[in-house]
Amino acid sequence: MEEHHNNAVLKWTGDYAVDGCGFIIEMDQVEYKAENENIISEDFKSDVIVNVSLTYEILHEETKITCFDSKNPEYRENIRIISIQKK
């Protein structure tokens, strides 16, 4: 089911090739991982948090992420981005 969040936060954590986690999306103090984050424009890559308006679907599954040379993986709820716009 499609949902919309007008006050989401998009965090760029760095490229996977250099131990980053790509994009992390935060909504209502919960962090999510987009299974299709490749559709997010390069313009969103920033050292600062970007406020966005987001239309998405919750996939009801978690994805394992290992970033920043961490030995312990973390888990984030998966979402599918339908549309994303800077605020």
PDB file of N, CA and C in Angstrom:
ATOM      1  N   MET A   1       0.829  -1.175   0.000  1.00  0.00           N
ATOM      2  CA  MET A   1       0.000   0.000   0.000  1.00  0.00           C
ATOM      3  C   MET A   1       0.883   1.251   0.000  1.00  0.00           C
ATOM      4  N   GLU A   2       0.562   2.156  -0.856  1.00  0.00           N
ATOM      5  CA  GLU A   2       1.329   3.392  -1.009  1.00  0.00           C
ATOM      6  C   GLU A   2       1.048   4.339   0.154  1.00  0.00           C
ATOM      7  N   GLU A   3       2.139   4.926   0.693  1.00  0.00           N
ATOM      8  CA  GLU A   3       2.020   5.885   1.785  1.00  0.00           C
ATOM      9  C   GLU A   3       2.812   7.139   1.430  1.00  0.00           C
ATOM     10  N   HIS A   4       2.532   8.224   2.151  1.00  0.00           N
ATOM     11  CA  HIS A   4       3.240   9.480   1.904  1.00  0.00           C
ATOM     12  C   HIS A   4       3.694  10.058   3.240  1.00  0.00           C
ATOM     13  N   HIS A   5       4.908  10.606   3.241  1.00  0.00           N
ATOM     14  CA  HIS A   5       5.432  11.280   4.430  1.00  0.00           C
ATOM     15  C   HIS A   5       5.998  12.613   3.972  1.00  0.00           C
ATOM     16  N   ASN A   6       5.454  13.687   4.503  1.00  0.00           N
ATOM     17  CA  ASN A   6       5.841  15.024   4.053  1.00  0.00           C
ATOM     18  C   ASN A   6       7.088  15.554   4.746  1.00  0.00           C
ATOM     19  N   ASN A   7       7.517  14.902   5.830  1.00  0.00           N
ATOM     20  CA  ASN A   7       8.661  15.404   6.600  1.00  0.00           C
ATOM     21  C   ASN A   7       9.705  14.316   6.824  1.00  0.00           C
ATOM     22  N   ALA A   8      10.070  13.603   5.797  1.00  0.00           N
ATOM     23  CA  ALA A   8      11.101  12.580   5.900  1.00  0.00           C
ATOM     24  C   ALA A   8      12.478  13.235   5.822  1.00  0.00           C
ATOM     25  N   VAL A   9      13.474  12.508   6.296  1.00  0.00           N
ATOM     26  CA  VAL A   9      14.855  12.987   6.264  1.00  0.00           C
ATOM     27  C   VAL A   9      15.681  11.981   5.481  1.00  0.00           C
ATOM     28  N   LEU A  10      16.498  12.483   4.577  1.00  0.00           N
ATOM     29  CA  LEU A  10      17.373  11.635   3.767  1.00  0.00           C
ATOM     30  C   LEU A  10      18.815  11.904   4.181  1.00  0.00           C
ATOM     31  N   LYS A  11      19.526  10.835   4.540  1.00  0.00           N
ATOM     32  CA  LYS A  11      20.928  10.961   4.966  1.00  0.00           C
ATOM     33  C   LYS A  11      21.808  10.215   3.978  1.00  0.00           C
ATOM     34  N   TRP A  12      22.828  10.882   3.466  1.00  0.00           N
ATOM     35  CA  TRP A  12      23.822  10.245   2.599  1.00  0.00           C
ATOM     36  C   TRP A  12      24.990   9.826   3.486  1.00  0.00           C
ATOM     37  N   THR A  13      25.268   8.515   3.534  1.00  0.00           N
ATOM     38  CA  THR A  13      26.324   8.018   4.410  1.00  0.00           C
ATOM     39  C   THR A  13      27.590   7.650   3.657  1.00  0.00           C
ATOM     40  N   GLY A  14      27.579   7.775   2.337  1.00  0.00           N
ATOM     41  CA  GLY A  14      28.757   7.472   1.533  1.00  0.00           C
ATOM     42  C   GLY A  14      28.552   6.258   0.644  1.00  0.00           C
ATOM     43  N   ASP A  15      29.434   6.139  -0.341  1.00  0.00           N
ATOM     44  CA  ASP A  15      29.358   5.031  -1.296  1.00  0.00           C
ATOM     45  C   ASP A  15      29.685   3.704  -0.626  1.00  0.00           C
ATOM     46  N   TYR A  16      29.050   2.651  -1.109  1.00  0.00           N
ATOM     47  CA  TYR A  16      29.307   1.305  -0.592  1.00  0.00           C
ATOM     48  C   TYR A  16      30.774   0.906  -0.801  1.00  0.00           C
ATOM     49  N   ALA A  17      31.359   1.375  -1.884  1.00  0.00           N
ATOM     50  CA  ALA A  17      32.744   1.009  -2.205  1.00  0.00           C
ATOM     51  C   ALA A  17      33.745   1.510  -1.167  1.00  0.00           C
ATOM     52  N   VAL A  18      33.360   2.521  -0.402  1.00  0.00           N
ATOM     53  CA  VAL A  18      34.247   3.051   0.639  1.00  0.00           C
ATOM     54  C   VAL A  18      33.619   2.881   2.024  1.00  0.00           C
ATOM     55  N   ASP A  19      32.924   1.758   2.207  1.00  0.00           N
ATOM     56  CA  ASP A  19      32.312   1.371   3.483  1.00  0.00           C
ATOM     57  C   ASP A  19      31.166   2.262   3.944  1.00  0.00           C
ATOM     58  N   GLY A  20      30.568   3.008   3.024  1.00  0.00           N
ATOM     59  CA  GLY A  20      29.376   3.769   3.371  1.00  0.00           C
ATOM     60  C   GLY A  20      28.146   2.877   3.298  1.00  0.00           C
ATOM     61  N   CYS A  21      27.016   3.427   3.659  1.00  0.00           N
ATOM     62  CA  CYS A  21      25.740   2.683   3.618  1.00  0.00           C
ATOM     63  C   CYS A  21      24.776   3.254   2.595  1.00  0.00           C
ATOM     64  N   GLY A  22      25.260   4.104   1.701  1.00  0.00           N
ATOM     65  CA  GLY A  22      24.340   4.705   0.738  1.00  0.00           C
ATOM     66  C   GLY A  22      23.399   5.658   1.446  1.00  0.00           C
ATOM     67  N   PHE A  23      22.122   5.616   1.052  1.00  0.00           N
ATOM     68  CA  PHE A  23      21.114   6.499   1.636  1.00  0.00           C
ATOM     69  C   PHE A  23      20.369   5.797   2.762  1.00  0.00           C
ATOM     70  N   ILE A  24      20.125   6.527   3.828  1.00  0.00           N
ATOM     71  CA  ILE A  24      19.271   6.092   4.924  1.00  0.00           C
ATOM     72  C   ILE A  24      18.126   7.100   4.990  1.00  0.00           C
ATOM     73  N   ILE A  25      16.908   6.602   5.107  1.00  0.00           N
ATOM     74  CA  ILE A  25      15.732   7.460   5.200  1.00  0.00           C
ATOM     75  C   ILE A  25      15.202   7.376   6.624  1.00  0.00           C
ATOM     76  N   GLU A  26      14.922   8.528   7.215  1.00  0.00           N
ATOM     77  CA  GLU A  26      14.363   8.558   8.562  1.00  0.00           C
ATOM     78  C   GLU A  26      12.981   9.184   8.528  1.00  0.00           C
ATOM     79  N   MET A  27      12.032   8.478   9.127  1.00  0.00           N
ATOM     80  CA  MET A  27      10.667   8.993   9.268  1.00  0.00           C
ATOM     81  C   MET A  27      10.199   8.708  10.676  1.00  0.00           C
ATOM     82  N   ASP A  28       9.749   9.723  11.381  1.00  0.00           N
ATOM     83  CA  ASP A  28       9.251   9.576  12.750  1.00  0.00           C
ATOM     84  C   ASP A  28      10.254   8.842  13.640  1.00  0.00           C
ATOM     85  N   GLN A  29      11.514   9.208  13.521  1.00  0.00           N
ATOM     86  CA  GLN A  29      12.620   8.693  14.337  1.00  0.00           C
ATOM     87  C   GLN A  29      12.918   7.213  14.100  1.00  0.00           C
ATOM     88  N   VAL A  30      12.474   6.658  12.971  1.00  0.00           N
ATOM     89  CA  VAL A  30      12.790   5.288  12.569  1.00  0.00           C
ATOM     90  C   VAL A  30      13.561   5.357  11.256  1.00  0.00           C
ATOM     91  N   GLU A  31      14.673   4.595  11.177  1.00  0.00           N
ATOM     92  CA  GLU A  31      15.483   4.580   9.960  1.00  0.00           C
ATOM     93  C   GLU A  31      15.063   3.431   9.052  1.00  0.00           C
ATOM     94  N   TYR A  32      15.016   3.720   7.755  1.00  0.00           N
ATOM     95  CA  TYR A  32      14.620   2.757   6.738  1.00  0.00           C
ATOM     96  C   TYR A  32      15.698   2.682   5.667  1.00  0.00           C
ATOM     97  N   LYS A  33      15.696   1.592   4.923  1.00  0.00           N
ATOM     98  CA  LYS A  33      16.599   1.404   3.791  1.00  0.00           C
ATOM     99  C   LYS A  33      15.737   1.157   2.558  1.00  0.00           C
ATOM    100  N   ALA A  34      15.979   1.923   1.504  1.00  0.00           N
ATOM    101  CA  ALA A  34      15.209   1.765   0.266  1.00  0.00           C
ATOM    102  C   ALA A  34      15.825   0.676  -0.596  1.00  0.00           C
ATOM    103  N   GLU A  35      15.009  -0.288  -0.986  1.00  0.00           N
ATOM    104  CA  GLU A  35      15.513  -1.371  -1.824  1.00  0.00           C
ATOM    105  C   GLU A  35      15.833  -0.872  -3.230  1.00  0.00           C
ATOM    106  N   ASN A  36      15.290   0.260  -3.605  1.00  0.00           N
ATOM    107  CA  ASN A  36      15.540   0.831  -4.924  1.00  0.00           C
ATOM    108  C   ASN A  36      16.198   2.209  -4.814  1.00  0.00           C
ATOM    109  N   GLU A  37      17.151   2.341  -3.893  1.00  0.00           N
ATOM    110  CA  GLU A  37      17.781   3.655  -3.669  1.00  0.00           C
ATOM    111  C   GLU A  37      18.522   4.166  -4.896  1.00  0.00           C
ATOM    112  N   ASN A  38      18.760   3.292  -5.863  1.00  0.00           N
ATOM    113  CA  ASN A  38      19.445   3.720  -7.091  1.00  0.00           C
ATOM    114  C   ASN A  38      18.623   4.734  -7.886  1.00  0.00           C
ATOM    115  N   ILE A  39      17.332   4.890  -7.574  1.00  0.00           N
ATOM    116  CA  ILE A  39      16.532   5.892  -8.289  1.00  0.00           C
ATOM    117  C   ILE A  39      16.692   7.292  -7.693  1.00  0.00           C
ATOM    118  N   ILE A  40      17.365   7.396  -6.540  1.00  0.00           N
ATOM    119  CA  ILE A  40      17.585   8.704  -5.917  1.00  0.00           C
ATOM    120  C   ILE A  40      18.674   9.439  -6.693  1.00  0.00           C
ATOM    121  N   SER A  41      18.384  10.644  -7.094  1.00  0.00           N
ATOM    122  CA  SER A  41      19.296  11.457  -7.897  1.00  0.00           C
ATOM    123  C   SER A  41      20.600  11.760  -7.155  1.00  0.00           C
ATOM    124  N   GLU A  42      21.663  11.875  -7.914  1.00  0.00           N
ATOM    125  CA  GLU A  42      22.974  12.265  -7.367  1.00  0.00           C
ATOM    126  C   GLU A  42      22.884  13.607  -6.630  1.00  0.00           C
ATOM    127  N   ASP A  43      21.908  14.445  -6.994  1.00  0.00           N
ATOM    128  CA  ASP A  43      21.730  15.755  -6.362  1.00  0.00           C
ATOM    129  C   ASP A  43      21.435  15.652  -4.871  1.00  0.00           C
ATOM    130  N   PHE A  44      20.973  14.482  -4.413  1.00  0.00           N
ATOM    131  CA  PHE A  44      20.637  14.300  -3.013  1.00  0.00           C
ATOM    132  C   PHE A  44      21.850  13.920  -2.163  1.00  0.00           C
ATOM    133  N   LYS A  45      22.964  13.590  -2.807  1.00  0.00           N
ATOM    134  CA  LYS A  45      24.171  13.237  -2.050  1.00  0.00           C
ATOM    135  C   LYS A  45      24.746  14.503  -1.428  1.00  0.00           C
ATOM    136  N   SER A  46      24.717  14.558  -0.101  1.00  0.00           N
ATOM    137  CA  SER A  46      25.112  15.771   0.601  1.00  0.00           C
ATOM    138  C   SER A  46      25.662  15.401   1.968  1.00  0.00           C
ATOM    139  N   ASP A  47      26.564  16.221   2.476  1.00  0.00           N
ATOM    140  CA  ASP A  47      27.101  16.022   3.817  1.00  0.00           C
ATOM    141  C   ASP A  47      26.117  16.464   4.896  1.00  0.00           C
ATOM    142  N   VAL A  48      25.050  17.119   4.480  1.00  0.00           N
ATOM    143  CA  VAL A  48      24.035  17.569   5.431  1.00  0.00           C
ATOM    144  C   VAL A  48      22.756  16.772   5.207  1.00  0.00           C
ATOM    145  N   ILE A  49      21.939  16.722   6.219  1.00  0.00           N
ATOM    146  CA  ILE A  49      20.648  16.035   6.132  1.00  0.00           C
ATOM    147  C   ILE A  49      19.749  16.803   5.167  1.00  0.00           C
ATOM    148  N   VAL A  50      19.032  16.071   4.322  1.00  0.00           N
ATOM    149  CA  VAL A  50      18.134  16.683   3.340  1.00  0.00           C
ATOM    150  C   VAL A  50      16.696  16.346   3.726  1.00  0.00           C
ATOM    151  N   ASN A  51      15.876  17.363   3.909  1.00  0.00           N
ATOM    152  CA  ASN A  51      14.460  17.155   4.190  1.00  0.00           C
ATOM    153  C   ASN A  51      13.742  16.881   2.877  1.00  0.00           C
ATOM    154  N   VAL A  52      12.924  15.820   2.878  1.00  0.00           N
ATOM    155  CA  VAL A  52      12.258  15.401   1.648  1.00  0.00           C
ATOM    156  C   VAL A  52      10.794  15.078   1.912  1.00  0.00           C
ATOM    157  N   SER A  53      10.047  15.120   0.832  1.00  0.00           N
ATOM    158  CA  SER A  53       8.681  14.623   0.793  1.00  0.00           C
ATOM    159  C   SER A  53       8.758  13.294   0.050  1.00  0.00           C
ATOM    160  N   LEU A  54       8.204  12.245   0.631  1.00  0.00           N
ATOM    161  CA  LEU A  54       8.443  10.897   0.138  1.00  0.00           C
ATOM    162  C   LEU A  54       7.130  10.126  -0.013  1.00  0.00           C
ATOM    163  N   THR A  55       6.956   9.502  -1.178  1.00  0.00           N
ATOM    164  CA  THR A  55       5.880   8.542  -1.381  1.00  0.00           C
ATOM    165  C   THR A  55       6.554   7.182  -1.488  1.00  0.00           C
ATOM    166  N   TYR A  56       6.043   6.194  -0.757  1.00  0.00           N
ATOM    167  CA  TYR A  56       6.756   4.923  -0.623  1.00  0.00           C
ATOM    168  C   TYR A  56       5.794   3.790  -0.287  1.00  0.00           C
ATOM    169  N   GLU A  57       6.330   2.573  -0.321  1.00  0.00           N
ATOM    170  CA  GLU A  57       5.634   1.393   0.156  1.00  0.00           C
ATOM    171  C   GLU A  57       6.532   0.715   1.191  1.00  0.00           C
ATOM    172  N   ILE A  58       5.952   0.298   2.303  1.00  0.00           N
ATOM    173  CA  ILE A  58       6.703  -0.500   3.275  1.00  0.00           C
ATOM    174  C   ILE A  58       6.644  -1.951   2.811  1.00  0.00           C
ATOM    175  N   LEU A  59       7.784  -2.622   2.752  1.00  0.00           N
ATOM    176  CA  LEU A  59       7.862  -3.973   2.207  1.00  0.00           C
ATOM    177  C   LEU A  59       7.737  -5.062   3.265  1.00  0.00           C
ATOM    178  N   HIS A  60       7.696  -4.683   4.535  1.00  0.00           N
ATOM    179  CA  HIS A  60       7.535  -5.628   5.644  1.00  0.00           C
ATOM    180  C   HIS A  60       8.611  -6.713   5.657  1.00  0.00           C
ATOM    181  N   GLU A  61       9.823  -6.272   5.389  1.00  0.00           N
ATOM    182  CA  GLU A  61      11.001  -7.138   5.512  1.00  0.00           C
ATOM    183  C   GLU A  61      12.173  -6.248   5.877  1.00  0.00           C
ATOM    184  N   GLU A  62      13.195  -6.843   6.457  1.00  0.00           N
ATOM    185  CA  GLU A  62      14.379  -6.074   6.846  1.00  0.00           C
ATOM    186  C   GLU A  62      15.539  -6.408   5.927  1.00  0.00           C
ATOM    187  N   THR A  63      16.441  -5.458   5.808  1.00  0.00           N
ATOM    188  CA  THR A  63      17.665  -5.684   5.061  1.00  0.00           C
ATOM    189  C   THR A  63      18.840  -5.538   6.014  1.00  0.00           C
ATOM    190  N   LYS A  64      19.846  -6.355   5.820  1.00  0.00           N
ATOM    191  CA  LYS A  64      21.047  -6.310   6.652  1.00  0.00           C
ATOM    192  C   LYS A  64      22.038  -5.344   6.010  1.00  0.00           C
ATOM    193  N   ILE A  65      22.555  -4.428   6.808  1.00  0.00           N
ATOM    194  CA  ILE A  65      23.569  -3.508   6.306  1.00  0.00           C
ATOM    195  C   ILE A  65      24.784  -3.554   7.226  1.00  0.00           C
ATOM    196  N   THR A  66      25.948  -3.510   6.621  1.00  0.00           N
ATOM    197  CA  THR A  66      27.204  -3.444   7.361  1.00  0.00           C
ATOM    198  C   THR A  66      27.981  -2.267   6.799  1.00  0.00           C
ATOM    199  N   CYS A  67      28.205  -1.278   7.626  1.00  0.00           N
ATOM    200  CA  CYS A  67      28.826  -0.042   7.153  1.00  0.00           C
ATOM    201  C   CYS A  67      29.948   0.391   8.080  1.00  0.00           C
ATOM    202  N   PHE A  68      30.763   1.266   7.564  1.00  0.00           N
ATOM    203  CA  PHE A  68      31.784   1.947   8.353  1.00  0.00           C
ATOM    204  C   PHE A  68      32.718   0.972   9.056  1.00  0.00           C
ATOM    205  N   ASP A  69      33.087  -0.090   8.375  1.00  0.00           N
ATOM    206  CA  ASP A  69      34.020  -1.068   8.923  1.00  0.00           C
ATOM    207  C   ASP A  69      33.486  -1.775  10.170  1.00  0.00           C
ATOM    208  N   SER A  70      32.194  -1.759  10.347  1.00  0.00           N
ATOM    209  CA  SER A  70      31.590  -2.405  11.511  1.00  0.00           C
ATOM    210  C   SER A  70      31.598  -3.917  11.340  1.00  0.00           C
ATOM    211  N   LYS A  71      31.879  -4.610  12.389  1.00  0.00           N
ATOM    212  CA  LYS A  71      31.846  -6.076  12.375  1.00  0.00           C
ATOM    213  C   LYS A  71      30.430  -6.593  12.626  1.00  0.00           C
ATOM    214  N   ASN A  72      29.597  -5.738  13.206  1.00  0.00           N
ATOM    215  CA  ASN A  72      28.236  -6.138  13.550  1.00  0.00           C
ATOM    216  C   ASN A  72      27.234  -5.545  12.563  1.00  0.00           C
ATOM    217  N   PRO A  73      26.529  -6.393  11.822  1.00  0.00           N
ATOM    218  CA  PRO A  73      25.535  -5.858  10.890  1.00  0.00           C
ATOM    219  C   PRO A  73      24.365  -5.233  11.643  1.00  0.00           C
ATOM    220  N   GLU A  74      23.723  -4.289  10.987  1.00  0.00           N
ATOM    221  CA  GLU A  74      22.514  -3.672  11.517  1.00  0.00           C
ATOM    222  C   GLU A  74      21.382  -4.003  10.560  1.00  0.00           C
ATOM    223  N   TYR A  75      20.166  -3.884  11.033  1.00  0.00           N
ATOM    224  CA  TYR A  75      18.998  -4.211  10.210  1.00  0.00           C
ATOM    225  C   TYR A  75      18.094  -2.992  10.118  1.00  0.00           C
ATOM    226  N   ARG A  76      17.561  -2.765   8.929  1.00  0.00           N
ATOM    227  CA  ARG A  76      16.635  -1.662   8.686  1.00  0.00           C
ATOM    228  C   ARG A  76      15.423  -2.204   7.925  1.00  0.00           C
ATOM    229  N   GLU A  77      14.267  -1.656   8.240  1.00  0.00           N
ATOM    230  CA  GLU A  77      13.045  -1.984   7.512  1.00  0.00           C
ATOM    231  C   GLU A  77      13.204  -1.536   6.055  1.00  0.00           C
ATOM    232  N   ASN A  78      12.794  -2.385   5.140  1.00  0.00           N
ATOM    233  CA  ASN A  78      12.882  -2.062   3.711  1.00  0.00           C
ATOM    234  C   ASN A  78      11.655  -1.288   3.246  1.00  0.00           C
ATOM    235  N   ILE A  79      11.914  -0.282   2.416  1.00  0.00           N
ATOM    236  CA  ILE A  79      10.824   0.417   1.734  1.00  0.00           C
ATOM    237  C   ILE A  79      11.163   0.482   0.254  1.00  0.00           C
ATOM    238  N   ARG A  80      10.146   0.754  -0.543  1.00  0.00           N
ATOM    239  CA  ARG A  80      10.325   0.999  -1.978  1.00  0.00           C
ATOM    240  C   ARG A  80       9.893   2.437  -2.239  1.00  0.00           C
ATOM    241  N   ILE A  81      10.808   3.246  -2.770  1.00  0.00           N
ATOM    242  CA  ILE A  81      10.502   4.640  -3.070  1.00  0.00           C
ATOM    243  C   ILE A  81       9.665   4.709  -4.336  1.00  0.00           C
ATOM    244  N   ILE A  82       8.585   5.460  -4.264  1.00  0.00           N
ATOM    245  CA  ILE A  82       7.757   5.719  -5.447  1.00  0.00           C
ATOM    246  C   ILE A  82       8.095   7.090  -5.999  1.00  0.00           C
ATOM    247  N   SER A  83       8.215   8.072  -5.106  1.00  0.00           N
ATOM    248  CA  SER A  83       8.667   9.405  -5.521  1.00  0.00           C
ATOM    249  C   SER A  83       9.330  10.087  -4.333  1.00  0.00           C
ATOM    250  N   ILE A  84      10.283  10.967  -4.663  1.00  0.00           N
ATOM    251  CA  ILE A  84      11.009  11.702  -3.612  1.00  0.00           C
ATOM    252  C   ILE A  84      11.306  13.098  -4.142  1.00  0.00           C
ATOM    253  N   GLN A  85      11.056  14.099  -3.285  1.00  0.00           N
ATOM    254  CA  GLN A  85      11.318  15.488  -3.672  1.00  0.00           C
ATOM    255  C   GLN A  85      11.944  16.235  -2.513  1.00  0.00           C
ATOM    256  N   LYS A  86      12.897  17.102  -2.828  1.00  0.00           N
ATOM    257  CA  LYS A  86      13.484  17.964  -1.797  1.00  0.00           C
ATOM    258  C   LYS A  86      12.419  18.965  -1.354  1.00  0.00           C
ATOM    259  N   LYS A  87      12.500  19.305  -0.063  1.00  0.00           N
ATOM    260  CA  LYS A  87      11.564  20.296   0.482  1.00  0.00           C
ATOM    261  C   LYS A  87      12.214  21.652   0.500  1.00  0.00           C
TER     262      LYS A  87
END
